[in-house]
Amino acid sequence: MLIKNNKGQTAVEYILTTAALFVAFAIFYKSYSWIVPRQFDNGAKVILAVYELER
């Protein structure tokens, strides 16, 4: 598909780039919103285990 109008092609490229970046950021957000709470839970378990050992 060749677009004869240069402005039209640029607009399509911007739209595709924006959509790709949106999808990438959405995937990163979803993965980090799942990973970060688990890391806090794991860290809390380690801290509590060390605290119980030192008591």
PDB file of N, CA and C in Angstrom:
ATOM      1  N   MET A   1       0.844  -1.178   0.000  1.00  0.00           N
ATOM      2  CA  MET A   1       0.000   0.000   0.000  1.00  0.00           C
ATOM      3  C   MET A   1       0.887   1.238   0.000  1.00  0.00           C
ATOM      4  N   LEU A   2       0.863   1.945  -1.072  1.00  0.00           N
ATOM      5  CA  LEU A   2       1.638   3.175  -1.169  1.00  0.00           C
ATOM      6  C   LEU A   2       0.697   4.360  -1.038  1.00  0.00           C
ATOM      7  N   ILE A   3       1.056   5.268  -0.153  1.00  0.00           N
ATOM      8  CA  ILE A   3       0.270   6.488   0.011  1.00  0.00           C
ATOM      9  C   ILE A   3       0.954   7.570  -0.817  1.00  0.00           C
ATOM     10  N   LYS A   4       0.190   8.169  -1.709  1.00  0.00           N
ATOM     11  CA  LYS A   4       0.772   9.162  -2.611  1.00  0.00           C
ATOM     12  C   LYS A   4       1.061  10.475  -1.894  1.00  0.00           C
ATOM     13  N   ASN A   5       0.289  10.785  -0.879  1.00  0.00           N
ATOM     14  CA  ASN A   5       0.456  12.036  -0.158  1.00  0.00           C
ATOM     15  C   ASN A   5       1.449  11.826   0.981  1.00  0.00           C
ATOM     16  N   ASN A   6       2.504  12.619   1.000  1.00  0.00           N
ATOM     17  CA  ASN A   6       3.544  12.501   2.018  1.00  0.00           C
ATOM     18  C   ASN A   6       3.004  12.803   3.406  1.00  0.00           C
ATOM     19  N   LYS A   7       2.101  13.781   3.517  1.00  0.00           N
ATOM     20  CA  LYS A   7       1.518  14.124   4.813  1.00  0.00           C
ATOM     21  C   LYS A   7       0.668  12.976   5.331  1.00  0.00           C
ATOM     22  N   GLY A   8      -0.049  12.325   4.465  1.00  0.00           N
ATOM     23  CA  GLY A   8      -0.870  11.181   4.859  1.00  0.00           C
ATOM     24  C   GLY A   8      -0.016  10.035   5.370  1.00  0.00           C
ATOM     25  N   GLN A   9       1.107   9.802   4.702  1.00  0.00           N
ATOM     26  CA  GLN A   9       2.004   8.740   5.126  1.00  0.00           C
ATOM     27  C   GLN A   9       2.593   9.060   6.496  1.00  0.00           C
ATOM     28  N   THR A  10       2.971  10.314   6.717  1.00  0.00           N
ATOM     29  CA  THR A  10       3.520  10.724   8.004  1.00  0.00           C
ATOM     30  C   THR A  10       2.483  10.556   9.101  1.00  0.00           C
ATOM     31  N   ALA A  11       1.240  10.920   8.815  1.00  0.00           N
ATOM     32  CA  ALA A  11       0.168  10.768   9.805  1.00  0.00           C
ATOM     33  C   ALA A  11      -0.033   9.296  10.160  1.00  0.00           C
ATOM     34  N   VAL A  12      -0.025   8.435   9.163  1.00  0.00           N
ATOM     35  CA  VAL A  12      -0.189   7.002   9.416  1.00  0.00           C
ATOM     36  C   VAL A  12       0.979   6.476  10.242  1.00  0.00           C
ATOM     37  N   GLU A  13       2.185   6.921   9.934  1.00  0.00           N
ATOM     38  CA  GLU A  13       3.355   6.478  10.705  1.00  0.00           C
ATOM     39  C   GLU A  13       3.263   6.936  12.155  1.00  0.00           C
ATOM     40  N   TYR A  14       2.821   8.181  12.377  1.00  0.00           N
ATOM     41  CA  TYR A  14       2.663   8.679  13.748  1.00  0.00           C
ATOM     42  C   TYR A  14       1.605   7.885  14.501  1.00  0.00           C
ATOM     43  N   ILE A  15       0.507   7.595  13.850  1.00  0.00           N
ATOM     44  CA  ILE A  15      -0.568   6.836  14.499  1.00  0.00           C
ATOM     45  C   ILE A  15      -0.089   5.429  14.854  1.00  0.00           C
ATOM     46  N   LEU A  16       0.599   4.765  13.951  1.00  0.00           N
ATOM     47  CA  LEU A  16       1.103   3.424  14.221  1.00  0.00           C
ATOM     48  C   LEU A  16       2.151   3.436  15.330  1.00  0.00           C
ATOM     49  N   THR A  17       3.025   4.437  15.318  1.00  0.00           N
ATOM     50  CA  THR A  17       4.039   4.547  16.368  1.00  0.00           C
ATOM     51  C   THR A  17       3.392   4.799  17.718  1.00  0.00           C
ATOM     52  N   THR A  18       2.400   5.688  17.754  1.00  0.00           N
ATOM     53  CA  THR A  18       1.699   5.982  19.003  1.00  0.00           C
ATOM     54  C   THR A  18       0.990   4.736  19.519  1.00  0.00           C
ATOM     55  N   ALA A  19       0.340   4.004  18.644  1.00  0.00           N
ATOM     56  CA  ALA A  19      -0.355   2.786  19.055  1.00  0.00           C
ATOM     57  C   ALA A  19       0.636   1.747  19.587  1.00  0.00           C
ATOM     58  N   ALA A  20       1.770   1.603  18.923  1.00  0.00           N
ATOM     59  CA  ALA A  20       2.779   0.636  19.371  1.00  0.00           C
ATOM     60  C   ALA A  20       3.344   1.028  20.728  1.00  0.00           C
ATOM     61  N   LEU A  21       3.618   2.309  20.941  1.00  0.00           N
ATOM     62  CA  LEU A  21       4.129   2.762  22.232  1.00  0.00           C
ATOM     63  C   LEU A  21       3.086   2.588  23.330  1.00  0.00           C
ATOM     64  N   PHE A  22       1.827   2.858  23.012  1.00  0.00           N
ATOM     65  CA  PHE A  22       0.762   2.678  23.994  1.00  0.00           C
ATOM     66  C   PHE A  22       0.665   1.216  24.420  1.00  0.00           C
ATOM     67  N   VAL A  23       0.718   0.313  23.462  1.00  0.00           N
ATOM     68  CA  VAL A  23       0.648  -1.113  23.776  1.00  0.00           C
ATOM     69  C   VAL A  23       1.865  -1.529  24.606  1.00  0.00           C
ATOM     70  N   ALA A  24       3.047  -1.049  24.256  1.00  0.00           N
ATOM     71  CA  ALA A  24       4.254  -1.398  25.001  1.00  0.00           C
ATOM     72  C   ALA A  24       4.160  -0.896  26.439  1.00  0.00           C
ATOM     73  N   PHE A  25       3.739   0.357  26.640  1.00  0.00           N
ATOM     74  CA  PHE A  25       3.613   0.888  28.000  1.00  0.00           C
ATOM     75  C   PHE A  25       2.529   0.169  28.782  1.00  0.00           C
ATOM     76  N   ALA A  26       1.442  -0.212  28.119  1.00  0.00           N
ATOM     77  CA  ALA A  26       0.379  -0.956  28.802  1.00  0.00           C
ATOM     78  C   ALA A  26       0.891  -2.317  29.262  1.00  0.00           C
ATOM     79  N   ILE A  27       1.692  -2.979  28.441  1.00  0.00           N
ATOM     80  CA  ILE A  27       2.257  -4.277  28.826  1.00  0.00           C
ATOM     81  C   ILE A  27       3.225  -4.106  29.988  1.00  0.00           C
ATOM     82  N   PHE A  28       4.085  -3.082  29.926  1.00  0.00           N
ATOM     83  CA  PHE A  28       5.010  -2.826  31.041  1.00  0.00           C
ATOM     84  C   PHE A  28       4.251  -2.521  32.320  1.00  0.00           C
ATOM     85  N   TYR A  29       3.204  -1.697  32.227  1.00  0.00           N
ATOM     86  CA  TYR A  29       2.428  -1.347  33.415  1.00  0.00           C
ATOM     87  C   TYR A  29       1.778  -2.580  34.020  1.00  0.00           C
ATOM     88  N   LYS A  30       1.192  -3.411  33.177  1.00  0.00           N
ATOM     89  CA  LYS A  30       0.514  -4.619  33.664  1.00  0.00           C
ATOM     90  C   LYS A  30       1.520  -5.565  34.317  1.00  0.00           C
ATOM     91  N   SER A  31       2.677  -5.745  33.709  1.00  0.00           N
ATOM     92  CA  SER A  31       3.658  -6.673  34.274  1.00  0.00           C
ATOM     93  C   SER A  31       4.246  -6.124  35.570  1.00  0.00           C
ATOM     94  N   TYR A  32       4.547  -4.824  35.610  1.00  0.00           N
ATOM     95  CA  TYR A  32       5.124  -4.259  36.833  1.00  0.00           C
ATOM     96  C   TYR A  32       4.098  -4.171  37.956  1.00  0.00           C
ATOM     97  N   SER A  33       2.826  -3.970  37.625  1.00  0.00           N
ATOM     98  CA  SER A  33       1.808  -3.924  38.670  1.00  0.00           C
ATOM     99  C   SER A  33       1.608  -5.309  39.273  1.00  0.00           C
ATOM    100  N   TRP A  34       2.061  -6.344  38.596  1.00  0.00           N
ATOM    101  CA  TRP A  34       2.001  -7.689  39.149  1.00  0.00           C
ATOM    102  C   TRP A  34       3.312  -8.041  39.862  1.00  0.00           C
ATOM    103  N   ILE A  35       4.435  -7.614  39.326  1.00  0.00           N
ATOM    104  CA  ILE A  35       5.747  -7.983  39.875  1.00  0.00           C
ATOM    105  C   ILE A  35       6.059  -7.230  41.162  1.00  0.00           C
ATOM    106  N   VAL A  36       5.820  -5.925  41.202  1.00  0.00           N
ATOM    107  CA  VAL A  36       6.227  -5.100  42.342  1.00  0.00           C
ATOM    108  C   VAL A  36       5.555  -5.527  43.643  1.00  0.00           C
ATOM    109  N   PRO A  37       4.246  -5.749  43.680  1.00  0.00           N
ATOM    110  CA  PRO A  37       3.655  -6.203  44.951  1.00  0.00           C
ATOM    111  C   PRO A  37       4.213  -7.547  45.417  1.00  0.00           C
ATOM    112  N   ARG A  38       4.509  -8.421  44.495  1.00  0.00           N
ATOM    113  CA  ARG A  38       5.107  -9.709  44.890  1.00  0.00           C
ATOM    114  C   ARG A  38       6.490  -9.507  45.485  1.00  0.00           C
ATOM    115  N   GLN A  39       7.247  -8.574  44.934  1.00  0.00           N
ATOM    116  CA  GLN A  39       8.575  -8.295  45.484  1.00  0.00           C
ATOM    117  C   GLN A  39       8.474  -7.724  46.894  1.00  0.00           C
ATOM    118  N   PHE A  40       7.491  -6.850  47.134  1.00  0.00           N
ATOM    119  CA  PHE A  40       7.292  -6.322  48.478  1.00  0.00           C
ATOM    120  C   PHE A  40       6.896  -7.438  49.442  1.00  0.00           C
ATOM    121  N   ASP A  41       6.041  -8.346  48.998  1.00  0.00           N
ATOM    122  CA  ASP A  41       5.643  -9.470  49.854  1.00  0.00           C
ATOM    123  C   ASP A  41       6.845 -10.351  50.185  1.00  0.00           C
ATOM    124  N   ASN A  42       7.657 -10.646  49.179  1.00  0.00           N
ATOM    125  CA  ASN A  42       8.849 -11.467  49.411  1.00  0.00           C
ATOM    126  C   ASN A  42       9.834 -10.762  50.336  1.00  0.00           C
ATOM    127  N   GLY A  43      10.009  -9.471  50.154  1.00  0.00           N
ATOM    128  CA  GLY A  43      10.897  -8.705  51.019  1.00  0.00           C
ATOM    129  C   GLY A  43      10.386  -8.669  52.448  1.00  0.00           C
ATOM    130  N   ALA A  44       9.080  -8.520  52.613  1.00  0.00           N
ATOM    131  CA  ALA A  44       8.500  -8.508  53.959  1.00  0.00           C
ATOM    132  C   ALA A  44       8.707  -9.853  54.650  1.00  0.00           C
ATOM    133  N   LYS A  45       8.576 -10.933  53.908  1.00  0.00           N
ATOM    134  CA  LYS A  45       8.795 -12.266  54.486  1.00  0.00           C
ATOM    135  C   LYS A  45      10.242 -12.419  54.959  1.00  0.00           C
ATOM    136  N   VAL A  46      11.183 -11.936  54.177  1.00  0.00           N
ATOM    137  CA  VAL A  46      12.592 -12.022  54.554  1.00  0.00           C
ATOM    138  C   VAL A  46      12.854 -11.180  55.798  1.00  0.00           C
ATOM    139  N   ILE A  47      12.325  -9.967  55.820  1.00  0.00           N
ATOM    140  CA  ILE A  47      12.531  -9.082  56.973  1.00  0.00           C
ATOM    141  C   ILE A  47      11.940  -9.700  58.235  1.00  0.00           C
ATOM    142  N   LEU A  48      10.732 -10.234  58.130  1.00  0.00           N
ATOM    143  CA  LEU A  48      10.108 -10.848  59.302  1.00  0.00           C
ATOM    144  C   LEU A  48      10.857 -12.091  59.752  1.00  0.00           C
ATOM    145  N   ALA A  49      11.364 -12.871  58.803  1.00  0.00           N
ATOM    146  CA  ALA A  49      12.131 -14.067  59.178  1.00  0.00           C
ATOM    147  C   ALA A  49      13.404 -13.681  59.899  1.00  0.00           C
ATOM    148  N   VAL A  50      14.103 -12.674  59.427  1.00  0.00           N
ATOM    149  CA  VAL A  50      15.333 -12.214  60.088  1.00  0.00           C
ATOM    150  C   VAL A  50      14.992 -11.632  61.454  1.00  0.00           C
ATOM    151  N   TYR A  51      13.906 -10.898  61.552  1.00  0.00           N
ATOM    152  CA  TYR A  51      13.497 -10.314  62.830  1.00  0.00           C
ATOM    153  C   TYR A  51      13.178 -11.404  63.843  1.00  0.00           C
ATOM    154  N   GLU A  52      12.498 -12.449  63.401  1.00  0.00           N
ATOM    155  CA  GLU A  52      12.154 -13.544  64.322  1.00  0.00           C
ATOM    156  C   GLU A  52      13.420 -14.287  64.771  1.00  0.00           C
ATOM    157  N   LEU A  53      14.413 -14.406  63.903  1.00  0.00           N
ATOM    158  CA  LEU A  53      15.650 -15.103  64.271  1.00  0.00           C
ATOM    159  C   LEU A  53      16.457 -14.313  65.290  1.00  0.00           C
ATOM    160  N   GLU A  54      16.398 -12.997  65.220  1.00  0.00           N
ATOM    161  CA  GLU A  54      17.197 -12.161  66.110  1.00  0.00           C
ATOM    162  C   GLU A  54      16.522 -11.889  67.446  1.00  0.00           C
ATOM    163  N   ARG A  55      15.265 -12.258  67.580  1.00  0.00           N
ATOM    164  CA  ARG A  55      14.560 -12.026  68.837  1.00  0.00           C
ATOM    165  C   ARG A  55      14.961 -12.961  69.894  1.00  0.00           C
TER     166      ARG A  55
END
